[in-house]
Amino acid sequence: GSCRAQVAGGAYARIAPPTERTYVTAA
């Protein structure tokens, strides 16, 4: 979760689906 960032605007896509180990980010 160190590289989490708040999205102020713009477009993006996930590279791979999350797994059970993936850090859960805010909406």
PDB file of all heavy atoms in Angstrom:
ATOM      1  N   GLY A   1       0.788  -1.222   0.000  1.00  0.00           N
ATOM      2  CA  GLY A   1       0.000   0.000   0.000  1.00  0.00           C
ATOM      3  C   GLY A   1       0.822   1.275   0.000  1.00  0.00           C
ATOM      4  O   GLY A   1       0.254   2.373   0.018  1.00  0.00           O
ATOM      5  N   SER A   2       2.146   1.166  -0.030  1.00  0.00           N
ATOM      6  CA  SER A   2       2.982   2.365   0.018  1.00  0.00           C
ATOM      7  C   SER A   2       2.746   3.287  -1.175  1.00  0.00           C
ATOM      8  O   SER A   2       2.811   4.509  -1.041  1.00  0.00           O
ATOM      9  CB  SER A   2       4.468   1.979   0.078  1.00  0.00           C
ATOM     10  OG  SER A   2       4.767   1.268   1.258  1.00  0.00           O
ATOM     11  N   CYS A   3       2.475   2.714  -2.342  1.00  0.00           N
ATOM     12  CA  CYS A   3       2.340   3.528  -3.560  1.00  0.00           C
ATOM     13  C   CYS A   3       0.899   3.945  -3.833  1.00  0.00           C
ATOM     14  O   CYS A   3       0.576   4.371  -4.945  1.00  0.00           O
ATOM     15  CB  CYS A   3       2.920   2.802  -4.769  1.00  0.00           C
ATOM     16  SG  CYS A   3       1.965   1.355  -5.313  1.00  0.00           S
ATOM     17  N   ARG A   4       0.031   3.852  -2.820  1.00  0.00           N
ATOM     18  CA  ARG A   4      -1.347   4.278  -3.040  1.00  0.00           C
ATOM     19  C   ARG A   4      -1.402   5.791  -3.265  1.00  0.00           C
ATOM     20  O   ARG A   4      -0.617   6.547  -2.681  1.00  0.00           O
ATOM     21  CB  ARG A   4      -2.228   3.892  -1.857  1.00  0.00           C
ATOM     22  CG  ARG A   4      -1.916   4.595  -0.562  1.00  0.00           C
ATOM     23  CD  ARG A   4      -2.718   3.993   0.588  1.00  0.00           C
ATOM     24  NE  ARG A   4      -2.531   4.699   1.840  1.00  0.00           N
ATOM     25  CZ  ARG A   4      -1.527   4.514   2.678  1.00  0.00           C
ATOM     26  NH1 ARG A   4      -0.586   3.625   2.362  1.00  0.00           N
ATOM     27  NH2 ARG A   4      -1.440   5.197   3.799  1.00  0.00           N
ATOM     28  N   ALA A   5      -2.319   6.209  -4.106  1.00  0.00           N
ATOM     29  CA  ALA A   5      -2.462   7.624  -4.425  1.00  0.00           C
ATOM     30  C   ALA A   5      -3.936   7.963  -4.567  1.00  0.00           C
ATOM     31  O   ALA A   5      -4.724   7.147  -5.066  1.00  0.00           O
ATOM     32  CB  ALA A   5      -1.728   7.966  -5.720  1.00  0.00           C
ATOM     33  N   GLN A   6      -4.318   9.150  -4.128  1.00  0.00           N
ATOM     34  CA  GLN A   6      -5.665   9.639  -4.331  1.00  0.00           C
ATOM     35  C   GLN A   6      -5.795  10.159  -5.760  1.00  0.00           C
ATOM     36  O   GLN A   6      -4.914  10.857  -6.255  1.00  0.00           O
ATOM     37  CB  GLN A   6      -5.990  10.762  -3.350  1.00  0.00           C
ATOM     38  CG  GLN A   6      -6.097  10.310  -1.908  1.00  0.00           C
ATOM     39  CD  GLN A   6      -6.422  11.461  -0.972  1.00  0.00           C
ATOM     40  OE1 GLN A   6      -6.111  12.611  -1.262  1.00  0.00           O
ATOM     41  NE2 GLN A   6      -7.056  11.157   0.144  1.00  0.00           N
ATOM     42  N   VAL A   7      -6.870   9.786  -6.424  1.00  0.00           N
ATOM     43  CA  VAL A   7      -7.102  10.199  -7.803  1.00  0.00           C
ATOM     44  C   VAL A   7      -7.920  11.493  -7.791  1.00  0.00           C
ATOM     45  O   VAL A   7      -9.100  11.502  -7.431  1.00  0.00           O
ATOM     46  CB  VAL A   7      -7.845   9.110  -8.587  1.00  0.00           C
ATOM     47  CG1 VAL A   7      -8.042   9.547 -10.038  1.00  0.00           C
ATOM     48  CG2 VAL A   7      -7.067   7.793  -8.527  1.00  0.00           C
ATOM     49  N   ALA A   8      -7.266  12.591  -8.173  1.00  0.00           N
ATOM     50  CA  ALA A   8      -7.961  13.871  -8.238  1.00  0.00           C
ATOM     51  C   ALA A   8      -8.727  14.019  -9.544  1.00  0.00           C
ATOM     52  O   ALA A   8      -9.635  14.839  -9.649  1.00  0.00           O
ATOM     53  CB  ALA A   8      -6.961  15.014  -8.067  1.00  0.00           C
ATOM     54  N   GLY A   9      -8.357  13.210 -10.528  1.00  0.00           N
ATOM     55  CA  GLY A   9      -9.046  13.247 -11.810  1.00  0.00           C
ATOM     56  C   GLY A   9      -8.257  12.493 -12.853  1.00  0.00           C
ATOM     57  O   GLY A   9      -7.048  12.302 -12.719  1.00  0.00           O
ATOM     58  N   GLY A  10      -8.945  12.014 -13.902  1.00  0.00           N
ATOM     59  CA  GLY A  10      -8.259  11.336 -14.978  1.00  0.00           C
ATOM     60  C   GLY A  10      -8.702   9.904 -15.172  1.00  0.00           C
ATOM     61  O   GLY A  10      -9.656   9.430 -14.537  1.00  0.00           O
ATOM     62  N   ALA A  11      -7.990   9.206 -16.064  1.00  0.00           N
ATOM     63  CA  ALA A  11      -8.388   7.857 -16.466  1.00  0.00           C
ATOM     64  C   ALA A  11      -7.239   6.881 -16.256  1.00  0.00           C
ATOM     65  O   ALA A  11      -6.082   7.184 -16.542  1.00  0.00           O
ATOM     66  CB  ALA A  11      -8.814   7.854 -17.929  1.00  0.00           C
ATOM     67  N   TYR A  12      -7.595   5.671 -15.782  1.00  0.00           N
ATOM     68  CA  TYR A  12      -6.599   4.631 -15.554  1.00  0.00           C
ATOM     69  C   TYR A  12      -7.289   3.280 -15.605  1.00  0.00           C
ATOM     70  O   TYR A  12      -8.525   3.180 -15.577  1.00  0.00           O
ATOM     71  CB  TYR A  12      -5.901   4.822 -14.207  1.00  0.00           C
ATOM     72  CG  TYR A  12      -6.810   4.653 -13.012  1.00  0.00           C
ATOM     73  CD1 TYR A  12      -6.931   3.427 -12.359  1.00  0.00           C
ATOM     74  CD2 TYR A  12      -7.584   5.713 -12.533  1.00  0.00           C
ATOM     75  CE1 TYR A  12      -7.782   3.261 -11.281  1.00  0.00           C
ATOM     76  CE2 TYR A  12      -8.428   5.559 -11.448  1.00  0.00           C
ATOM     77  CZ  TYR A  12      -8.521   4.326 -10.827  1.00  0.00           C
ATOM     78  OH  TYR A  12      -9.363   4.169  -9.762  1.00  0.00           O
ATOM     79  N   ALA A  13      -6.472   2.223 -15.661  1.00  0.00           N
ATOM     80  CA  ALA A  13      -6.994   0.858 -15.665  1.00  0.00           C
ATOM     81  C   ALA A  13      -6.062  -0.031 -14.871  1.00  0.00           C
ATOM     82  O   ALA A  13      -4.847   0.208 -14.817  1.00  0.00           O
ATOM     83  CB  ALA A  13      -7.123   0.342 -17.095  1.00  0.00           C
ATOM     84  N   ARG A  14      -6.622  -1.070 -14.248  1.00  0.00           N
ATOM     85  CA  ARG A  14      -5.802  -2.037 -13.540  1.00  0.00           C
ATOM     86  C   ARG A  14      -5.039  -2.890 -14.541  1.00  0.00           C
ATOM     87  O   ARG A  14      -5.537  -3.205 -15.619  1.00  0.00           O
ATOM     88  CB  ARG A  14      -6.662  -2.935 -12.660  1.00  0.00           C
ATOM     89  CG  ARG A  14      -7.214  -2.258 -11.407  1.00  0.00           C
ATOM     90  CD  ARG A  14      -7.702  -3.322 -10.424  1.00  0.00           C
ATOM     91  NE  ARG A  14      -6.616  -4.195  -9.996  1.00  0.00           N
ATOM     92  CZ  ARG A  14      -5.836  -3.975  -8.928  1.00  0.00           C
ATOM     93  NH1 ARG A  14      -6.035  -2.919  -8.179  1.00  0.00           N
ATOM     94  NH2 ARG A  14      -4.873  -4.818  -8.622  1.00  0.00           N
ATOM     95  N   ILE A  15      -3.836  -3.271 -14.171  1.00  0.00           N
ATOM     96  CA  ILE A  15      -3.028  -4.140 -15.021  1.00  0.00           C
ATOM     97  C   ILE A  15      -3.440  -5.592 -14.827  1.00  0.00           C
ATOM     98  O   ILE A  15      -3.443  -6.385 -15.768  1.00  0.00           O
ATOM     99  CB  ILE A  15      -1.530  -3.943 -14.697  1.00  0.00           C
ATOM    100  CG1 ILE A  15      -1.106  -2.517 -15.053  1.00  0.00           C
ATOM    101  CG2 ILE A  15      -0.670  -4.961 -15.438  1.00  0.00           C
ATOM    102  CD1 ILE A  15       0.298  -2.176 -14.615  1.00  0.00           C
ATOM    103  N   ALA A  16      -3.776  -5.958 -13.597  1.00  0.00           N
ATOM    104  CA  ALA A  16      -4.194  -7.331 -13.284  1.00  0.00           C
ATOM    105  C   ALA A  16      -5.246  -7.257 -12.187  1.00  0.00           C
ATOM    106  O   ALA A  16      -5.270  -6.296 -11.410  1.00  0.00           O
ATOM    107  CB  ALA A  16      -2.999  -8.164 -12.828  1.00  0.00           C
ATOM    108  N   PRO A  17      -6.120  -8.250 -12.104  1.00  0.00           N
ATOM    109  CA  PRO A  17      -7.142  -8.239 -11.056  1.00  0.00           C
ATOM    110  C   PRO A  17      -6.501  -8.389  -9.684  1.00  0.00           C
ATOM    111  O   PRO A  17      -5.438  -9.003  -9.544  1.00  0.00           O
ATOM    112  CB  PRO A  17      -8.034  -9.434 -11.401  1.00  0.00           C
ATOM    113  CG  PRO A  17      -7.157 -10.334 -12.213  1.00  0.00           C
ATOM    114  CD  PRO A  17      -6.259  -9.427 -12.985  1.00  0.00           C
ATOM    115  N   PRO A  18      -7.121  -7.846  -8.639  1.00  0.00           N
ATOM    116  CA  PRO A  18      -6.566  -7.977  -7.286  1.00  0.00           C
ATOM    117  C   PRO A  18      -6.618  -9.419  -6.802  1.00  0.00           C
ATOM    118  O   PRO A  18      -7.424 -10.227  -7.272  1.00  0.00           O
ATOM    119  CB  PRO A  18      -7.469  -7.067  -6.448  1.00  0.00           C
ATOM    120  CG  PRO A  18      -8.748  -7.001  -7.212  1.00  0.00           C
ATOM    121  CD  PRO A  18      -8.367  -7.072  -8.659  1.00  0.00           C
ATOM    122  N   THR A  19      -5.745  -9.737  -5.868  1.00  0.00           N
ATOM    123  CA  THR A  19      -5.714 -11.054  -5.240  1.00  0.00           C
ATOM    124  C   THR A  19      -5.996 -10.883  -3.754  1.00  0.00           C
ATOM    125  O   THR A  19      -6.184  -9.765  -3.262  1.00  0.00           O
ATOM    126  CB  THR A  19      -4.345 -11.731  -5.428  1.00  0.00           C
ATOM    127  OG1 THR A  19      -3.365 -11.025  -4.638  1.00  0.00           O
ATOM    128  CG2 THR A  19      -3.925 -11.693  -6.897  1.00  0.00           C
ATOM    129  N   GLU A  20      -5.986 -11.988  -3.026  1.00  0.00           N
ATOM    130  CA  GLU A  20      -6.232 -11.914  -1.587  1.00  0.00           C
ATOM    131  C   GLU A  20      -5.120 -11.188  -0.861  1.00  0.00           C
ATOM    132  O   GLU A  20      -5.287 -10.737   0.284  1.00  0.00           O
ATOM    133  CB  GLU A  20      -6.375 -13.322  -1.010  1.00  0.00           C
ATOM    134  CG  GLU A  20      -5.140 -14.196  -1.157  1.00  0.00           C
ATOM    135  CD  GLU A  20      -5.311 -15.565  -0.545  1.00  0.00           C
ATOM    136  OE1 GLU A  20      -6.452 -15.927  -0.199  1.00  0.00           O
ATOM    137  OE2 GLU A  20      -4.292 -16.283  -0.420  1.00  0.00           O
ATOM    138  N   ARG A  21      -3.964 -11.029  -1.509  1.00  0.00           N
ATOM    139  CA  ARG A  21      -2.847 -10.329  -0.886  1.00  0.00           C
ATOM    140  C   ARG A  21      -2.816  -8.842  -1.229  1.00  0.00           C
ATOM    141  O   ARG A  21      -2.029  -8.088  -0.655  1.00  0.00           O
ATOM    142  CB  ARG A  21      -1.524 -10.948  -1.332  1.00  0.00           C
ATOM    143  CG  ARG A  21      -1.315 -12.381  -0.844  1.00  0.00           C
ATOM    144  CD  ARG A  21       0.074 -12.857  -1.200  1.00  0.00           C
ATOM    145  NE  ARG A  21       0.358 -14.166  -0.630  1.00  0.00           N
ATOM    146  CZ  ARG A  21       1.527 -14.777  -0.714  1.00  0.00           C
ATOM    147  NH1 ARG A  21       2.527 -14.195  -1.358  1.00  0.00           N
ATOM    148  NH2 ARG A  21       1.710 -15.959  -0.165  1.00  0.00           N
ATOM    149  N   THR A  22      -3.626  -8.408  -2.167  1.00  0.00           N
ATOM    150  CA  THR A  22      -3.584  -7.027  -2.619  1.00  0.00           C
ATOM    151  C   THR A  22      -4.068  -6.073  -1.532  1.00  0.00           C
ATOM    152  O   THR A  22      -5.072  -6.328  -0.865  1.00  0.00           O
ATOM    153  CB  THR A  22      -4.452  -6.850  -3.875  1.00  0.00           C
ATOM    154  OG1 THR A  22      -3.973  -7.727  -4.904  1.00  0.00           O
ATOM    155  CG2 THR A  22      -4.375  -5.418  -4.385  1.00  0.00           C
ATOM    156  N   TYR A  23      -3.335  -4.975  -1.373  1.00  0.00           N
ATOM    157  CA  TYR A  23      -3.742  -3.929  -0.431  1.00  0.00           C
ATOM    158  C   TYR A  23      -5.076  -3.351  -0.890  1.00  0.00           C
ATOM    159  O   TYR A  23      -5.260  -3.034  -2.072  1.00  0.00           O
ATOM    160  CB  TYR A  23      -2.682  -2.827  -0.396  1.00  0.00           C
ATOM    161  CG  TYR A  23      -3.001  -1.692   0.538  1.00  0.00           C
ATOM    162  CD1 TYR A  23      -2.568  -1.709   1.860  1.00  0.00           C
ATOM    163  CD2 TYR A  23      -3.734  -0.591   0.106  1.00  0.00           C
ATOM    164  CE1 TYR A  23      -2.848  -0.670   2.729  1.00  0.00           C
ATOM    165  CE2 TYR A  23      -4.025   0.461   0.963  1.00  0.00           C
ATOM    166  CZ  TYR A  23      -3.573   0.418   2.263  1.00  0.00           C
ATOM    167  OH  TYR A  23      -3.866   1.456   3.114  1.00  0.00           O
ATOM    168  N   VAL A  24      -6.011  -3.201   0.036  1.00  0.00           N
ATOM    169  CA  VAL A  24      -7.344  -2.683  -0.293  1.00  0.00           C
ATOM    170  C   VAL A  24      -7.326  -1.161  -0.181  1.00  0.00           C
ATOM    171  O   VAL A  24      -7.141  -0.607   0.912  1.00  0.00           O
ATOM    172  CB  VAL A  24      -8.416  -3.277   0.639  1.00  0.00           C
ATOM    173  CG1 VAL A  24      -9.785  -2.706   0.293  1.00  0.00           C
ATOM    174  CG2 VAL A  24      -8.431  -4.795   0.517  1.00  0.00           C
ATOM    175  N   THR A  25      -7.510  -0.484  -1.291  1.00  0.00           N
ATOM    176  CA  THR A  25      -7.491   0.973  -1.317  1.00  0.00           C
ATOM    177  C   THR A  25      -8.878   1.540  -1.054  1.00  0.00           C
ATOM    178  O   THR A  25      -9.892   0.840  -1.155  1.00  0.00           O
ATOM    179  CB  THR A  25      -7.007   1.477  -2.684  1.00  0.00           C
ATOM    180  OG1 THR A  25      -7.875   0.960  -3.707  1.00  0.00           O
ATOM    181  CG2 THR A  25      -5.581   1.018  -2.961  1.00  0.00           C
ATOM    182  N   ALA A  26      -8.910   2.831  -0.737  1.00  0.00           N
ATOM    183  CA  ALA A  26     -10.181   3.540  -0.613  1.00  0.00           C
ATOM    184  C   ALA A  26     -10.786   3.726  -2.004  1.00  0.00           C
ATOM    185  O   ALA A  26     -10.115   3.522  -3.032  1.00  0.00           O
ATOM    186  CB  ALA A  26      -9.967   4.883   0.070  1.00  0.00           C
ATOM    187  N   ALA A  27     -12.049   4.133  -2.045  1.00  0.00           N
ATOM    188  CA  ALA A  27     -12.754   4.253  -3.322  1.00  0.00           C
ATOM    189  C   ALA A  27     -12.107   5.269  -4.252  1.00  0.00           C
ATOM    190  O   ALA A  27     -12.188   5.136  -5.488  1.00  0.00           O
ATOM    191  CB  ALA A  27     -14.213   4.633  -3.065  1.00  0.00           C
TER     192      ALA A  27
END
